[in-house]
Amino acid sequence: MWDFYNIIMKTYMLKANELWLTQVHANLNEGGVWIWKDELMLFKREGEKLLCDSNAYNKVSEIVGKEFLIKTFKKY
């Protein structure tokens, strides 16, 4: 049962992160930047994507689903 609980919580947490990052994206204008202070990582809005370096991309991939990652983020 514990494994099932962890899977549900992980799914819930991923969706919560995706919702929050969707709001970050929506509140940035073209060329706007967001800094993930805890990780000291920079993201810049370019069109429909948030651009970031490969370290930031990999870190985000740990907290969101794969489809959301591909749709929302791009490595430069």
C-alpha atoms as a PDB file:
ATOM      1  CA  MET A   1       0.000   0.000   0.000  1.00  0.00           C
ATOM      2  CA  TRP A   2       2.845   2.405   0.769  1.00  0.00           C
ATOM      3  CA  ASP A   3       4.124   2.210  -2.832  1.00  0.00           C
ATOM      4  CA  PHE A   4       0.646   3.033  -4.137  1.00  0.00           C
ATOM      5  CA  TYR A   5       0.502   6.052  -1.803  1.00  0.00           C
ATOM      6  CA  ASN A   6       3.889   7.300  -3.066  1.00  0.00           C
ATOM      7  CA  ILE A   7       2.764   7.010  -6.704  1.00  0.00           C
ATOM      8  CA  ILE A   8      -0.389   9.035  -6.033  1.00  0.00           C
ATOM      9  CA  MET A   9       1.497  11.708  -4.119  1.00  0.00           C
ATOM     10  CA  LYS A  10       4.136  11.949  -6.798  1.00  0.00           C
ATOM     11  CA  THR A  11       1.477  12.369  -9.494  1.00  0.00           C
ATOM     12  CA  TYR A  12      -0.280  15.000  -7.395  1.00  0.00           C
ATOM     13  CA  MET A  13       2.965  16.848  -6.774  1.00  0.00           C
ATOM     14  CA  LEU A  14       3.896  16.804 -10.482  1.00  0.00           C
ATOM     15  CA  LYS A  15       0.504  18.255 -11.412  1.00  0.00           C
ATOM     16  CA  ALA A  16       0.789  20.926  -8.713  1.00  0.00           C
ATOM     17  CA  ASN A  17       4.216  21.942 -10.050  1.00  0.00           C
ATOM     18  CA  GLU A  18       2.863  22.047 -13.600  1.00  0.00           C
ATOM     19  CA  LEU A  19      -0.011  24.278 -12.547  1.00  0.00           C
ATOM     20  CA  TRP A  20       2.336  26.646 -10.718  1.00  0.00           C
ATOM     21  CA  LEU A  21       4.786  26.808 -13.642  1.00  0.00           C
ATOM     22  CA  THR A  22       1.889  27.434 -16.041  1.00  0.00           C
ATOM     23  CA  GLN A  23       1.063  30.527 -13.967  1.00  0.00           C
ATOM     24  CA  VAL A  24       4.711  31.636 -13.983  1.00  0.00           C
ATOM     25  CA  HIS A  25       4.752  31.306 -17.770  1.00  0.00           C
ATOM     26  CA  ALA A  26       1.458  33.167 -18.172  1.00  0.00           C
ATOM     27  CA  ASN A  27       2.684  36.078 -16.051  1.00  0.00           C
ATOM     28  CA  LEU A  28       5.916  36.577 -17.993  1.00  0.00           C
ATOM     29  CA  ASN A  29       5.971  38.850 -21.010  1.00  0.00           C
ATOM     30  CA  GLU A  30       8.075  38.032 -24.055  1.00  0.00           C
ATOM     31  CA  GLY A  31      11.719  38.271 -22.982  1.00  0.00           C
ATOM     32  CA  GLY A  32      10.762  38.189 -19.304  1.00  0.00           C
ATOM     33  CA  VAL A  33      12.880  36.186 -16.891  1.00  0.00           C
ATOM     34  CA  TRP A  34      12.124  34.036 -13.890  1.00  0.00           C
ATOM     35  CA  ILE A  35      14.782  32.922 -11.443  1.00  0.00           C
ATOM     36  CA  TRP A  36      14.378  29.706  -9.485  1.00  0.00           C
ATOM     37  CA  LYS A  37      16.050  31.100  -6.396  1.00  0.00           C
ATOM     38  CA  ASP A  38      16.455  27.829  -4.501  1.00  0.00           C
ATOM     39  CA  GLU A  39      18.362  26.325  -7.413  1.00  0.00           C
ATOM     40  CA  LEU A  40      19.915  29.576  -8.753  1.00  0.00           C
ATOM     41  CA  MET A  41      18.595  28.876 -12.243  1.00  0.00           C
ATOM     42  CA  LEU A  42      17.399  31.368 -14.854  1.00  0.00           C
ATOM     43  CA  PHE A  43      14.528  30.933 -17.308  1.00  0.00           C
ATOM     44  CA  LYS A  44      13.602  33.331 -20.116  1.00  0.00           C
ATOM     45  CA  ARG A  45      10.294  33.409 -21.962  1.00  0.00           C
ATOM     46  CA  GLU A  46      10.647  33.189 -25.714  1.00  0.00           C
ATOM     47  CA  GLY A  47       7.338  32.647 -27.477  1.00  0.00           C
ATOM     48  CA  GLU A  48       5.500  29.734 -25.893  1.00  0.00           C
ATOM     49  CA  LYS A  49       8.614  28.283 -24.256  1.00  0.00           C
ATOM     50  CA  LEU A  50      10.747  28.976 -21.227  1.00  0.00           C
ATOM     51  CA  LEU A  51      14.401  28.803 -22.285  1.00  0.00           C
ATOM     52  CA  CYS A  52      16.984  27.459 -19.881  1.00  0.00           C
ATOM     53  CA  ASP A  53      20.368  25.772 -19.799  1.00  0.00           C
ATOM     54  CA  SER A  54      20.659  21.984 -19.697  1.00  0.00           C
ATOM     55  CA  ASN A  55      21.177  21.913 -15.906  1.00  0.00           C
ATOM     56  CA  ALA A  56      17.933  23.806 -15.330  1.00  0.00           C
ATOM     57  CA  TYR A  57      16.120  21.662 -17.907  1.00  0.00           C
ATOM     58  CA  ASN A  58      17.237  18.497 -16.144  1.00  0.00           C
ATOM     59  CA  LYS A  59      16.205  19.861 -12.750  1.00  0.00           C
ATOM     60  CA  VAL A  60      12.741  20.828 -14.034  1.00  0.00           C
ATOM     61  CA  SER A  61      12.374  17.361 -15.561  1.00  0.00           C
ATOM     62  CA  GLU A  62      12.458  15.968 -12.006  1.00  0.00           C
ATOM     63  CA  ILE A  63       9.413  17.970 -10.885  1.00  0.00           C
ATOM     64  CA  VAL A  64       7.046  17.923 -13.907  1.00  0.00           C
ATOM     65  CA  GLY A  65       5.705  15.346 -16.351  1.00  0.00           C
ATOM     66  CA  LYS A  66       7.483  14.642 -19.635  1.00  0.00           C
ATOM     67  CA  GLU A  67       4.706  16.058 -21.860  1.00  0.00           C
ATOM     68  CA  PHE A  68       4.606  19.314 -19.889  1.00  0.00           C
ATOM     69  CA  LEU A  69       8.398  19.572 -19.984  1.00  0.00           C
ATOM     70  CA  ILE A  70       8.522  19.206 -23.770  1.00  0.00           C
ATOM     71  CA  LYS A  71       5.588  21.582 -24.297  1.00  0.00           C
ATOM     72  CA  THR A  72       6.823  24.333 -21.959  1.00  0.00           C
ATOM     73  CA  PHE A  73      10.622  24.251 -21.749  1.00  0.00           C
ATOM     74  CA  LYS A  74      13.486  24.403 -24.228  1.00  0.00           C
ATOM     75  CA  LYS A  75      17.243  24.116 -23.709  1.00  0.00           C
ATOM     76  CA  TYR A  76      19.484  26.744 -25.242  1.00  0.00           C
END
